Amino acid sequence: MQLYSFLTLSTLAGSAVAQSGVDLDKPMLAGGGRRGPGAMLRFGCSQVVIERLDPLVNPDLKPSTHTHQVVGGNTFNESMPYTDIAKLSSCTTCHFLEDSSNYWTANIYFRARNGSYKRVPQIANQFNAGDSGGITLYYTSPNANVTTAFKPGFRMLTGDAMRRTSENLGKNMQQCYRCFTQPDFGGSMYSPCLDPKYDTDHLPQQPCAGGIRSNIIFPLCWDGKNLDSPNHRDHVAHPIGGPTQFALVNGTCPSTHPVKIPQLMFEVMWDTTSFNNKEDWPEDGSQPFVLSTGDTTGFGQHGDYVFGWKDNSLQRAMDEGCYLRNCTLLTEQAPKIKNQCNVPVTVDEDVNGWMSQLPGGGNGN
């Protein structure tokens, strides 16, 4: 029960509930005691570049097929070999200086009634004030010495950019969108992907007064041998019972993938508020947002990860039970410092202004 209480509060911490009046950055149980023995790092990483590059799916291809918003270390490029990128990066946009990993997702574009497109900006959530857009990252472990941190060179991908139908996972969906019905991320206090009314695995169908949040959850189990696999998925797996909810990290790993790794989750805040006028939406009344892959459903949301933590810093943070940004083992960076880190743009194209088609030539499908 104690662990359950810890995870319950932790999930609330990840679901933008500042209106609750609870200081969620203090390691407290819902009942007022100290948190349990598990770990949950939660921290922001500002944007390092927005560009059509994808070193996992389209290695060495410049430009790649669609744009991504990328955060983390400044070694990101079109070709990332199985090296220790933590030793190659000279800066990182992540809150903890030890983390030079790269994390990236597809962008979201607004499709206006006249057929033109404009990129939807990302904004920092209220836990990461001062960040320049980007992604909030979560690393969760149920107990000390239970999970094995990723190894240098490790990378993985979750989600399927080509999916256009629901996986019908219900509360166990591994990617979701939340429609905030009130400003400042208000309207729901549920944990990510668990609100039966405002969380869906497809893009919201109505205007969202507070913007849209997307979450992407990665598998929990690793084969213990391979840093990657041909499809960037097969070396990791879900527990025997199938995909698990955010922060429920107690499942048993299959014999083929016996090593439990920290549960990684991406969280992206999309500022759709300037696109809420339905007079600008398609004439048929359909929702106007499209992933940079051309996906108008949102089912194809996916996330990419290349590990880049320095030395054994992530393992120590998991074993020590670090909570949110409370971790004396790690070095914090102020937003004004990490926001200065960037990767020079190498693909010469406009990805931000109004355009007649998506970067790469797509028009939605």
Protein backbone atom coordinates (compact mmCIF):
# COMPACT_ATOMS: atom_id res chain seq x y z
CA MET A 1 0.00 0.00 0.00
CA GLN A 2 2.82 2.39 0.72
CA LEU A 3 4.29 1.98 -2.75
CA TYR A 4 0.84 2.44 -4.26
CA SER A 5 0.47 5.73 -2.39
CA PHE A 6 3.83 6.91 -3.70
CA LEU A 7 2.96 6.08 -7.26
CA THR A 8 -0.46 7.65 -6.96
CA LEU A 9 1.05 10.96 -5.94
CA SER A 10 3.74 10.63 -8.55
CA THR A 11 1.21 10.20 -11.31
CA LEU A 12 -0.60 13.26 -10.09
CA ALA A 13 2.70 15.08 -10.19
CA GLY A 14 2.96 14.26 -13.86
CA SER A 15 -0.49 15.41 -14.82
CA ALA A 16 -0.33 19.16 -14.33
CA VAL A 17 -2.35 19.69 -11.18
CA ALA A 18 -1.02 22.94 -9.77
CA GLN A 19 -4.58 23.91 -8.87
CA SER A 20 -4.62 21.14 -6.24
CA GLY A 21 -2.74 23.38 -3.81
CA VAL A 22 -0.18 20.65 -3.05
CA ASP A 23 3.52 21.36 -3.53
CA LEU A 24 4.25 18.37 -5.73
CA ASP A 25 7.95 19.11 -5.84
CA LYS A 26 8.27 17.93 -2.25
CA PRO A 27 8.70 14.17 -1.75
CA MET A 28 5.52 13.54 0.22
CA LEU A 29 2.94 10.76 0.23
CA ALA A 30 -0.71 11.53 -0.38
CA GLY A 31 -1.24 11.00 3.35
CA GLY A 32 1.47 13.48 4.30
CA GLY A 33 4.40 11.11 4.94
CA ARG A 34 7.61 10.75 2.98
CA ARG A 35 7.57 9.02 -0.38
CA GLY A 36 8.21 5.32 -0.82
CA PRO A 37 11.46 3.63 -1.87
CA GLY A 38 10.96 4.03 -5.61
CA ALA A 39 12.39 6.69 -7.89
CA MET A 40 10.74 9.09 -10.29
CA LEU A 41 12.84 11.68 -12.03
CA ARG A 42 10.77 14.38 -13.68
CA PHE A 43 12.58 17.21 -15.45
CA GLY A 44 12.41 19.38 -18.54
CA CYS A 45 14.63 19.51 -21.59
CA SER A 46 14.38 22.58 -23.83
CA GLN A 47 14.44 22.35 -27.61
CA VAL A 48 17.88 21.85 -29.08
CA VAL A 49 16.74 21.89 -32.73
CA ILE A 50 13.68 21.49 -34.98
CA GLU A 51 14.72 19.82 -38.20
CA ARG A 52 14.08 17.06 -40.72
CA LEU A 53 16.63 14.60 -39.35
CA ASP A 54 16.10 11.12 -37.89
CA PRO A 55 19.28 9.15 -37.09
CA LEU A 56 17.26 6.06 -36.09
CA VAL A 57 14.72 5.60 -38.88
CA ASN A 58 16.60 7.49 -41.62
CA PRO A 59 20.29 7.30 -40.67
CA ASP A 60 22.61 9.39 -42.86
CA LEU A 61 19.63 10.80 -44.78
CA LYS A 62 19.52 14.60 -44.90
CA PRO A 63 16.79 15.69 -44.98
CA SER A 64 14.69 12.88 -43.54
CA THR A 65 11.03 12.36 -44.35
CA HIS A 66 9.45 14.64 -41.72
CA THR A 67 10.33 17.23 -39.09
CA HIS A 68 11.08 16.45 -35.46
CA GLN A 69 11.40 18.52 -32.34
CA VAL A 70 14.57 17.39 -30.58
CA VAL A 71 15.87 17.97 -27.06
CA GLY A 72 19.01 17.03 -25.16
CA GLY A 73 22.69 17.01 -26.03
CA ASN A 74 24.23 18.98 -28.89
CA THR A 75 25.70 15.93 -30.63
CA PHE A 76 22.38 15.25 -32.40
CA ASN A 77 22.88 14.77 -36.14
CA GLU A 78 21.73 12.58 -39.04
CA SER A 79 24.13 9.77 -38.10
CA MET A 80 24.60 8.73 -34.48
CA PRO A 81 26.77 5.60 -34.14
CA TYR A 82 26.79 3.37 -31.07
CA THR A 83 29.11 5.59 -29.08
CA ASP A 84 28.89 7.21 -25.69
CA ILE A 85 27.33 10.51 -26.74
CA ALA A 86 27.65 11.80 -23.18
CA LYS A 87 31.38 12.09 -23.85
CA LEU A 88 30.84 13.91 -27.15
CA SER A 89 28.32 16.57 -26.13
CA SER A 90 29.61 19.93 -25.00
CA CYS A 91 26.21 21.03 -23.66
CA THR A 92 22.69 19.78 -23.08
CA THR A 93 19.25 21.40 -22.93
CA CYS A 94 18.21 19.04 -20.13
CA HIS A 95 17.74 20.17 -16.54
CA PHE A 96 20.38 17.76 -15.28
CA LEU A 97 23.83 18.41 -16.67
CA GLU A 98 24.61 14.68 -16.60
CA ASP A 99 21.94 13.96 -19.24
CA SER A 100 23.11 14.46 -22.83
CA SER A 101 20.61 11.95 -24.21
CA ASN A 102 18.55 12.88 -27.26
CA TYR A 103 14.78 12.62 -27.24
CA TRP A 104 12.58 13.51 -30.20
CA THR A 105 9.03 13.39 -31.51
CA ALA A 106 7.15 14.43 -34.63
CA ASN A 107 5.88 18.00 -34.69
CA ILE A 108 2.23 19.00 -34.83
CA TYR A 109 1.02 21.41 -37.52
CA PHE A 110 -2.22 23.38 -37.81
CA ARG A 111 -4.02 22.84 -41.12
CA ALA A 112 -6.08 25.96 -41.91
CA ARG A 113 -9.28 26.09 -43.93
CA ASN A 114 -7.38 27.57 -46.89
CA GLY A 115 -5.09 24.53 -46.96
CA SER A 116 -1.98 26.18 -45.50
CA TYR A 117 0.01 24.82 -42.56
CA LYS A 118 1.76 26.31 -39.55
CA ARG A 119 3.78 24.58 -36.84
CA VAL A 120 2.18 24.44 -33.40
CA PRO A 121 4.71 25.70 -30.83
CA GLN A 122 5.65 23.67 -27.78
CA ILE A 123 5.59 25.33 -24.38
CA ALA A 124 7.06 24.33 -21.04
CA ASN A 125 4.63 23.00 -18.46
CA GLN A 126 4.38 24.75 -15.10
CA PHE A 127 7.00 22.47 -13.56
CA ASN A 128 9.64 23.73 -16.00
CA ALA A 129 9.13 27.49 -15.99
CA GLY A 130 11.71 29.24 -18.16
CA ASP A 131 12.35 26.31 -20.49
CA SER A 132 12.26 26.94 -24.22
CA GLY A 133 9.52 24.53 -25.29
CA GLY A 134 10.79 20.99 -25.47
CA ILE A 135 9.81 17.83 -23.58
CA THR A 136 9.27 16.85 -19.96
CA LEU A 137 10.95 13.50 -19.23
CA TYR A 138 10.01 10.92 -16.61
CA TYR A 139 12.20 8.01 -15.47
CA THR A 140 10.44 5.71 -12.99
CA SER A 141 11.67 2.73 -10.94
CA PRO A 142 9.63 0.87 -8.27
CA ASN A 143 12.48 0.18 -5.84
CA ALA A 144 16.23 0.53 -5.45
CA ASN A 145 18.33 -2.00 -7.36
CA VAL A 146 15.31 -3.21 -9.35
CA THR A 147 15.88 -1.50 -12.69
CA THR A 148 19.02 -1.50 -14.81
CA ALA A 149 19.88 1.81 -16.44
CA PHE A 150 20.45 1.94 -20.17
CA LYS A 151 23.96 1.45 -21.54
CA PRO A 152 26.06 3.77 -23.74
CA GLY A 153 24.91 3.43 -27.34
CA PHE A 154 21.42 2.24 -26.37
CA ARG A 155 18.52 3.55 -28.40
CA MET A 156 14.86 2.66 -28.92
CA LEU A 157 11.69 3.80 -30.65
CA THR A 158 8.11 3.38 -29.52
CA GLY A 159 4.91 3.95 -31.44
CA ASP A 160 4.28 3.47 -35.15
CA ALA A 161 4.34 6.46 -37.48
CA MET A 162 2.21 4.53 -39.99
CA ARG A 163 -0.60 3.61 -37.58
CA ARG A 164 -3.97 5.15 -38.41
CA THR A 165 -6.27 3.10 -36.16
CA SER A 166 -6.58 2.64 -32.41
CA GLU A 167 -4.75 -0.14 -30.57
CA ASN A 168 -7.76 -0.30 -28.22
CA LEU A 169 -5.60 -0.47 -25.09
CA GLY A 170 -7.96 1.61 -22.96
CA LYS A 171 -6.27 2.77 -19.76
CA ASN A 172 -3.09 0.98 -20.83
CA MET A 173 -2.64 3.05 -23.99
CA GLN A 174 0.99 3.89 -24.55
CA GLN A 175 0.46 7.21 -26.27
CA CYS A 176 -2.29 9.73 -25.68
CA TYR A 177 -3.45 13.31 -26.04
CA ARG A 178 -5.13 15.36 -23.34
CA CYS A 179 -7.45 18.21 -24.25
CA PHE A 180 -7.12 20.85 -21.53
CA THR A 181 -10.48 22.58 -21.16
CA GLN A 182 -9.18 25.42 -19.01
CA PRO A 183 -6.16 27.76 -19.23
CA ASP A 184 -2.90 26.87 -17.49
CA PHE A 185 -3.30 23.14 -18.13
CA GLY A 186 -6.60 23.02 -16.26
CA GLY A 187 -9.65 20.80 -16.49
CA SER A 188 -8.34 17.38 -15.49
CA MET A 189 -6.48 15.95 -12.51
CA TYR A 190 -6.07 12.43 -13.87
CA SER A 191 -2.68 10.84 -14.44
CA PRO A 192 -1.43 10.71 -18.05
CA CYS A 193 -3.59 8.62 -20.40
CA LEU A 194 -6.11 7.76 -17.66
CA ASP A 195 -8.80 10.42 -18.00
CA PRO A 196 -11.77 8.65 -19.65
CA LYS A 197 -13.16 11.94 -20.95
CA TYR A 198 -10.21 14.09 -21.97
CA ASP A 199 -7.47 11.54 -22.79
CA THR A 200 -7.60 9.84 -26.19
CA ASP A 201 -5.17 7.96 -28.41
CA HIS A 202 -6.22 10.20 -31.30
CA LEU A 203 -5.97 13.96 -31.72
CA PRO A 204 -8.77 15.85 -29.93
CA GLN A 205 -11.82 16.57 -32.05
CA GLN A 206 -12.76 19.88 -30.39
CA PRO A 207 -10.97 23.14 -29.48
CA CYS A 208 -8.89 22.85 -26.30
CA ALA A 209 -8.94 26.08 -24.29
CA GLY A 210 -5.72 25.19 -22.45
CA GLY A 211 -3.89 23.48 -25.30
CA ILE A 212 -3.06 19.83 -25.93
CA ARG A 213 -0.66 17.59 -24.03
CA SER A 214 0.77 14.44 -25.56
CA ASN A 215 2.38 11.56 -23.66
CA ILE A 216 4.45 8.68 -25.00
CA ILE A 217 5.33 5.70 -22.77
CA PHE A 218 8.21 3.32 -23.55
CA PRO A 219 8.47 -0.43 -22.78
CA LEU A 220 9.82 -1.69 -19.44
CA CYS A 221 11.88 -4.74 -20.41
CA TRP A 222 15.17 -5.23 -22.29
CA ASP A 223 16.81 -8.36 -23.69
CA GLY A 224 19.98 -7.45 -21.78
CA LYS A 225 22.20 -7.87 -24.83
CA ASN A 226 21.41 -5.59 -27.74
CA LEU A 227 21.78 -1.83 -27.76
CA ASP A 228 19.40 -1.69 -30.72
CA SER A 229 17.47 -3.88 -33.15
CA PRO A 230 16.70 -3.50 -36.87
CA ASN A 231 13.31 -1.92 -36.18
CA HIS A 232 14.56 -0.21 -32.97
CA ARG A 233 11.81 -2.02 -31.02
CA ASP A 234 12.50 -5.76 -30.76
CA HIS A 235 15.27 -5.49 -28.15
CA VAL A 236 12.71 -4.09 -25.70
CA ALA A 237 9.30 -5.45 -24.68
CA HIS A 238 6.34 -4.97 -22.39
CA PRO A 239 5.85 -7.09 -19.25
CA ILE A 240 4.11 -10.47 -19.56
CA GLY A 241 0.72 -8.92 -18.85
CA GLY A 242 1.10 -6.41 -21.67
CA PRO A 243 1.58 -2.63 -21.74
CA THR A 244 1.37 -0.92 -18.36
CA GLN A 245 0.10 2.46 -17.28
CA PHE A 246 2.37 5.36 -16.44
CA ALA A 247 4.33 4.67 -13.22
CA LEU A 248 2.97 1.12 -12.81
CA VAL A 249 6.34 -0.54 -13.13
CA ASN A 250 5.82 -3.79 -11.19
CA GLY A 251 5.06 -6.20 -14.03
CA THR A 252 7.18 -9.32 -14.64
CA CYS A 253 9.44 -9.18 -17.68
CA PRO A 254 9.32 -12.10 -20.15
CA SER A 255 12.21 -14.58 -20.32
CA THR A 256 13.17 -13.18 -23.73
CA HIS A 257 13.58 -9.71 -22.23
CA PRO A 258 14.44 -10.39 -18.57
CA VAL A 259 16.06 -7.06 -17.65
CA LYS A 260 13.77 -4.39 -16.24
CA ILE A 261 14.72 -0.89 -17.32
CA PRO A 262 13.39 2.43 -16.00
CA GLN A 263 10.03 3.37 -17.46
CA LEU A 264 10.64 6.34 -19.74
CA MET A 265 7.82 8.72 -20.63
CA PHE A 266 7.79 11.82 -22.85
CA GLU A 267 5.37 14.67 -22.14
CA VAL A 268 4.89 17.50 -24.64
CA MET A 269 2.74 20.60 -24.22
CA TRP A 270 1.38 21.95 -27.51
CA ASP A 271 0.14 25.55 -27.47
CA THR A 272 -2.88 25.20 -29.75
CA THR A 273 -4.71 28.14 -28.16
CA SER A 274 -4.13 30.50 -31.09
CA PHE A 275 -5.78 27.97 -33.42
CA ASN A 276 -9.07 27.53 -31.55
CA ASN A 277 -11.25 29.65 -33.85
CA LYS A 278 -13.42 27.12 -35.67
CA GLU A 279 -13.86 29.61 -38.51
CA ASP A 280 -10.27 28.71 -39.42
CA TRP A 281 -10.85 24.95 -39.21
CA PRO A 282 -11.66 22.80 -42.26
CA GLU A 283 -15.12 23.46 -43.68
CA ASP A 284 -16.28 19.94 -42.88
CA GLY A 285 -15.70 20.61 -39.17
CA SER A 286 -12.94 18.02 -38.80
CA GLN A 287 -10.14 18.68 -36.33
CA PRO A 288 -7.34 20.74 -37.94
CA PHE A 289 -4.15 19.28 -36.52
CA VAL A 290 -1.75 16.95 -38.28
CA LEU A 291 1.51 15.31 -37.25
CA SER A 292 4.53 16.21 -39.35
CA THR A 293 4.35 12.68 -40.79
CA GLY A 294 1.07 13.65 -42.46
CA ASP A 295 -1.02 11.77 -39.90
CA THR A 296 -4.34 13.54 -39.31
CA THR A 297 -5.53 10.93 -36.80
CA GLY A 298 -2.77 11.15 -34.18
CA PHE A 299 -2.65 7.36 -33.80
CA GLY A 300 0.83 7.46 -35.34
CA GLN A 301 2.42 9.44 -32.51
CA HIS A 302 5.87 8.01 -31.71
CA GLY A 303 9.01 8.81 -29.76
CA ASP A 304 12.73 8.20 -30.30
CA TYR A 305 15.45 7.91 -27.66
CA VAL A 306 19.24 7.70 -27.69
CA PHE A 307 20.76 7.22 -24.23
CA GLY A 308 23.42 9.71 -23.18
CA TRP A 309 23.68 9.90 -19.39
CA LYS A 310 27.18 10.44 -18.05
CA ASP A 311 28.85 7.42 -16.43
CA ASN A 312 26.49 5.68 -13.97
CA SER A 313 24.55 8.81 -12.99
CA LEU A 314 21.13 7.50 -14.06
CA GLN A 315 21.65 4.18 -12.27
CA ARG A 316 22.61 5.98 -9.08
CA ALA A 317 19.60 8.29 -9.32
CA MET A 318 17.26 5.32 -9.68
CA ASP A 319 18.87 3.40 -6.81
CA GLU A 320 18.90 6.43 -4.51
CA GLY A 321 15.19 7.07 -5.03
CA CYS A 322 15.52 10.51 -6.59
CA TYR A 323 12.13 12.20 -6.85
CA LEU A 324 11.11 14.72 -9.50
CA ARG A 325 14.00 17.24 -9.54
CA ASN A 326 15.07 16.49 -5.96
CA CYS A 327 18.34 14.65 -6.51
CA THR A 328 21.54 15.76 -4.81
CA LEU A 329 23.49 13.27 -6.92
CA LEU A 330 22.81 15.28 -10.07
CA THR A 331 23.83 18.76 -11.20
CA GLU A 332 20.99 21.16 -12.01
CA GLN A 333 21.09 23.76 -14.78
CA ALA A 334 19.17 27.03 -14.79
CA PRO A 335 16.90 27.55 -17.82
CA LYS A 336 18.93 30.54 -19.02
CA ILE A 337 21.97 28.27 -19.24
CA LYS A 338 20.46 25.20 -20.88
CA ASN A 339 18.40 27.31 -23.31
CA GLN A 340 21.67 28.53 -24.84
CA CYS A 341 22.59 25.02 -25.99
CA ASN A 342 21.64 24.30 -29.59
CA VAL A 343 22.39 22.26 -32.68
CA PRO A 344 22.99 24.32 -35.85
CA VAL A 345 20.28 23.76 -38.45
CA THR A 346 21.66 21.90 -41.48
CA VAL A 347 18.51 21.46 -43.59
CA ASP A 348 17.76 24.76 -45.33
CA GLU A 349 13.96 25.03 -45.24
CA ASP A 350 11.23 26.90 -43.41
CA VAL A 351 9.61 24.76 -40.72
CA ASN A 352 7.85 27.53 -38.79
CA GLY A 353 6.05 29.97 -41.09
CA TRP A 354 2.84 29.48 -43.04
CA MET A 355 3.44 26.98 -45.83
CA SER A 356 1.47 25.33 -48.62
CA GLN A 357 2.52 21.83 -47.61
CA LEU A 358 4.24 20.07 -44.75
CA PRO A 359 8.06 20.03 -44.79
CA GLY A 360 8.92 17.04 -46.93
CA GLY A 361 5.88 17.49 -49.17
CA GLY A 362 3.07 15.86 -47.20
CA ASN A 363 -0.50 17.11 -47.09
CA GLY A 364 -2.08 14.85 -44.48
CA ASN A 365 -3.62 11.39 -44.65
